[in-house]
Protein backbone atom coordinates (compact mmCIF):
# COMPACT_ATOMS: atom_id res chain seq x y z
CA MET A 1 12.11 13.55 -73.94
CA LEU A 2 13.94 15.63 -76.11
CA SER A 3 15.10 12.94 -78.15
CA ALA A 4 11.28 12.09 -79.19
CA ILE A 5 10.54 15.55 -79.48
CA SER A 6 13.21 15.99 -82.01
CA ILE A 7 12.22 12.75 -83.69
CA TYR A 8 9.00 14.07 -84.42
CA LEU A 9 9.85 17.68 -85.36
CA ILE A 10 12.34 16.24 -87.87
CA THR A 11 9.85 14.04 -89.92
CA LEU A 12 7.01 17.15 -89.52
CA VAL A 13 9.98 19.27 -91.34
CA GLN A 14 10.29 16.54 -93.76
CA ARG A 15 6.62 16.10 -94.31
CA ILE A 16 5.89 19.51 -95.13
CA THR A 17 8.88 20.87 -96.96
CA LEU A 18 8.96 20.17 -100.95
CA LYS A 19 11.17 17.95 -102.29
CA GLU A 20 13.16 20.09 -103.85
CA ASN A 21 14.20 22.27 -100.85
CA LEU A 22 14.53 19.73 -98.52
CA GLY A 23 18.23 19.23 -98.34
CA LYS A 24 18.61 23.02 -97.85
CA VAL A 25 16.64 22.97 -94.89
CA MET A 26 17.62 19.91 -93.34
CA ALA A 27 21.19 21.27 -93.81
CA THR A 28 20.04 24.56 -91.91
CA ILE A 29 18.72 22.64 -89.35
CA ILE A 30 21.79 20.68 -88.63
CA ALA A 31 23.89 23.46 -88.76
CA VAL A 32 21.97 25.29 -86.37
CA SER A 33 22.02 22.63 -84.24
CA GLN A 34 25.90 21.94 -84.32
CA CYS A 35 26.53 25.29 -83.40
CA ALA A 36 24.38 25.57 -80.67
CA VAL A 37 26.44 22.42 -79.05
CA PRO A 38 29.33 24.94 -78.07
CA LEU A 39 27.02 27.64 -76.48
CA GLY A 40 25.08 24.37 -74.52
CA GLN A 41 28.66 23.42 -73.35
CA LEU A 42 29.61 26.82 -72.16
CA LEU A 43 26.43 27.14 -70.24
CA MET A 44 26.67 24.13 -68.65
CA GLY A 45 30.58 24.77 -67.92
CA VAL A 46 29.45 27.92 -66.16
CA ILE A 47 26.77 26.24 -64.31
CA PHE A 48 29.00 23.50 -62.73
CA LYS A 49 31.88 26.19 -61.96
CA SER A 50 28.95 28.27 -59.76
CA THR A 51 27.24 25.36 -57.79
CA THR A 52 30.75 23.96 -56.10
CA THR A 53 28.46 22.66 -53.32
CA SER A 54 26.84 19.53 -55.43
CA ALA A 55 26.82 18.18 -58.98
CA PHE A 56 23.03 17.60 -58.32
CA VAL A 57 22.08 21.10 -58.66
CA PRO A 58 23.14 21.58 -62.27
CA LEU A 59 21.99 18.27 -63.52
CA LEU A 60 18.28 19.31 -61.90
CA LEU A 61 17.96 22.39 -63.50
CA THR A 62 19.51 20.87 -67.21
CA SER A 63 16.63 18.16 -66.26
CA GLY A 64 14.09 20.95 -65.53
CA PHE A 65 14.94 22.79 -68.77
CA VAL A 66 14.97 19.96 -70.67
CA LEU A 67 11.24 19.10 -69.92
CA LEU A 68 10.27 22.56 -70.31
CA ILE A 69 11.40 22.38 -73.73
CA SER A 70 9.44 19.23 -73.86
CA GLY A 71 6.29 20.11 -72.69
CA VAL A 72 6.24 23.44 -74.67
CA CYS A 73 6.78 21.68 -77.76
CA PHE A 74 4.38 18.97 -77.02
CA VAL A 75 1.74 21.84 -76.58
CA LEU A 76 2.15 23.75 -79.79
CA PHE A 77 2.53 20.66 -82.16
CA LYS A 78 -0.21 18.32 -80.36
CA GLU A 79 -2.70 19.80 -82.94
CA THR A 80 -0.89 19.26 -85.76
CA LYS A 81 -3.39 17.47 -88.12
CA GLU A 82 -3.07 15.86 -91.73
CA SER A 83 -4.24 18.90 -93.49
CA ASP A 84 -1.12 20.91 -91.73
CA ILE A 85 1.26 18.72 -93.76
CA TYR A 86 1.53 19.03 -97.38
CA PRO A 87 1.51 15.39 -99.24
CA VAL A 88 4.98 14.44 -100.47
CA LYS A 89 5.20 14.52 -104.29
CA GLU A 90 7.71 11.83 -105.64
């Protein structure tokens, strides 16, 4: 679900960003995403360490969080119209 939202958002960013700024914007998005990976691993380590009874509890919590983020993104961006997107100038 998060992959589908990510594809949509990256496409939207590429469509609304001016061509001369696209490299900078995409580099920033990728850098922020890569910097968030260690934080996610740290958080998952803490969650797995605190729930020693079952491995399904952290997976359930993580899945719920991903579904929540996907739902919020869907609600926020479902009203995007063509008029909100700048035409790409070549």
